[in-house]
Amino acid sequence: MTKMTTKSSAKKRFSLTASGKVRANTAFTRHTLRKRSKKMRRLARSSMILSAADSRIVKSYMPYA
């Protein structure tokens, strides 16, 4: 049986923490920031930890991570 392949798009967008959680960049931070609240802009600077349901999907994209 052949090796499972990692999806290249997931490899570029997500990373795993030491405890096995999935870290991702925050969305909606590229443009049109004037209309967003200061709190949203401040919180969007950092990365975020995905929920359990989403992390299960992402981990299936990266079997050897």
C-alpha atoms as a PDB file:
ATOM      1  CA  MET A   1       0.000   0.000   0.000  1.00  0.00           C
ATOM      2  CA  THR A   2       1.301   3.456  -0.867  1.00  0.00           C
ATOM      3  CA  LYS A   3       1.938   6.240   1.594  1.00  0.00           C
ATOM      4  CA  MET A   4      -0.845   8.700   2.357  1.00  0.00           C
ATOM      5  CA  THR A   5      -0.151  12.152   0.956  1.00  0.00           C
ATOM      6  CA  THR A   6      -0.291  15.445   2.817  1.00  0.00           C
ATOM      7  CA  LYS A   7      -2.400  18.164   1.242  1.00  0.00           C
ATOM      8  CA  SER A   8       0.021  20.951   0.329  1.00  0.00           C
ATOM      9  CA  SER A   9      -2.491  23.703   1.020  1.00  0.00           C
ATOM     10  CA  ALA A  10      -2.994  22.455   4.584  1.00  0.00           C
ATOM     11  CA  LYS A  11       0.753  22.195   5.091  1.00  0.00           C
ATOM     12  CA  LYS A  12       1.097  25.895   4.285  1.00  0.00           C
ATOM     13  CA  ARG A  13      -1.854  27.135   6.350  1.00  0.00           C
ATOM     14  CA  PHE A  14      -1.868  25.076   9.545  1.00  0.00           C
ATOM     15  CA  SER A  15       0.641  23.945  12.135  1.00  0.00           C
ATOM     16  CA  LEU A  16       0.378  21.618  15.100  1.00  0.00           C
ATOM     17  CA  THR A  17       1.238  22.618  18.639  1.00  0.00           C
ATOM     18  CA  ALA A  18       3.219  20.382  20.978  1.00  0.00           C
ATOM     19  CA  SER A  19       0.011  19.192  22.646  1.00  0.00           C
ATOM     20  CA  GLY A  20      -1.544  18.251  19.276  1.00  0.00           C
ATOM     21  CA  LYS A  21      -3.868  21.202  18.767  1.00  0.00           C
ATOM     22  CA  VAL A  22      -4.107  22.877  15.362  1.00  0.00           C
ATOM     23  CA  ARG A  23      -3.008  26.498  15.015  1.00  0.00           C
ATOM     24  CA  ALA A  24      -4.288  28.650  12.139  1.00  0.00           C
ATOM     25  CA  ASN A  25      -4.104  32.275  11.106  1.00  0.00           C
ATOM     26  CA  THR A  26      -7.099  34.481  11.845  1.00  0.00           C
ATOM     27  CA  ALA A  27      -9.355  35.329   8.909  1.00  0.00           C
ATOM     28  CA  PHE A  28     -10.621  38.733   7.692  1.00  0.00           C
ATOM     29  CA  THR A  29      -7.399  40.702   8.286  1.00  0.00           C
ATOM     30  CA  ARG A  30      -6.345  41.684   4.777  1.00  0.00           C
ATOM     31  CA  HIS A  31      -8.351  44.775   3.897  1.00  0.00           C
ATOM     32  CA  THR A  32     -11.479  46.786   4.797  1.00  0.00           C
ATOM     33  CA  LEU A  33     -10.310  47.046   8.383  1.00  0.00           C
ATOM     34  CA  ARG A  34     -11.733  50.551   8.917  1.00  0.00           C
ATOM     35  CA  LYS A  35     -15.227  49.218   9.499  1.00  0.00           C
ATOM     36  CA  ARG A  36     -14.122  46.547  11.964  1.00  0.00           C
ATOM     37  CA  SER A  37     -13.932  47.194  15.673  1.00  0.00           C
ATOM     38  CA  LYS A  38     -10.627  47.806  17.423  1.00  0.00           C
ATOM     39  CA  LYS A  39     -11.162  44.679  19.474  1.00  0.00           C
ATOM     40  CA  MET A  40     -11.570  42.537  16.366  1.00  0.00           C
ATOM     41  CA  ARG A  41      -8.440  44.041  14.792  1.00  0.00           C
ATOM     42  CA  ARG A  42      -6.423  43.479  17.947  1.00  0.00           C
ATOM     43  CA  LEU A  43      -7.531  39.867  18.377  1.00  0.00           C
ATOM     44  CA  ALA A  44      -6.943  39.118  14.688  1.00  0.00           C
ATOM     45  CA  ARG A  45      -3.232  39.899  14.933  1.00  0.00           C
ATOM     46  CA  SER A  46      -2.413  36.589  16.525  1.00  0.00           C
ATOM     47  CA  SER A  47      -3.112  33.055  15.396  1.00  0.00           C
ATOM     48  CA  MET A  48      -5.952  30.991  16.787  1.00  0.00           C
ATOM     49  CA  ILE A  49      -6.527  27.422  17.910  1.00  0.00           C
ATOM     50  CA  LEU A  50      -9.114  25.552  15.862  1.00  0.00           C
ATOM     51  CA  SER A  51     -12.102  23.863  17.434  1.00  0.00           C
ATOM     52  CA  ALA A  52     -12.138  20.100  17.953  1.00  0.00           C
ATOM     53  CA  ALA A  53     -14.416  19.481  14.968  1.00  0.00           C
ATOM     54  CA  ASP A  54     -12.283  21.558  12.596  1.00  0.00           C
ATOM     55  CA  SER A  55      -9.005  20.178  13.897  1.00  0.00           C
ATOM     56  CA  ARG A  56     -10.181  16.627  13.206  1.00  0.00           C
ATOM     57  CA  ILE A  57     -10.657  17.568   9.534  1.00  0.00           C
ATOM     58  CA  VAL A  58      -7.293  19.320   9.280  1.00  0.00           C
ATOM     59  CA  LYS A  59      -5.449  16.433  10.920  1.00  0.00           C
ATOM     60  CA  SER A  60      -6.841  14.099   8.271  1.00  0.00           C
ATOM     61  CA  TYR A  61      -5.202  16.337   5.642  1.00  0.00           C
ATOM     62  CA  MET A  62      -1.822  15.999   7.384  1.00  0.00           C
ATOM     63  CA  PRO A  63      -1.422  12.329   8.355  1.00  0.00           C
ATOM     64  CA  TYR A  64       2.300  12.532   9.183  1.00  0.00           C
ATOM     65  CA  ALA A  65       2.357  15.879  11.011  1.00  0.00           C
END
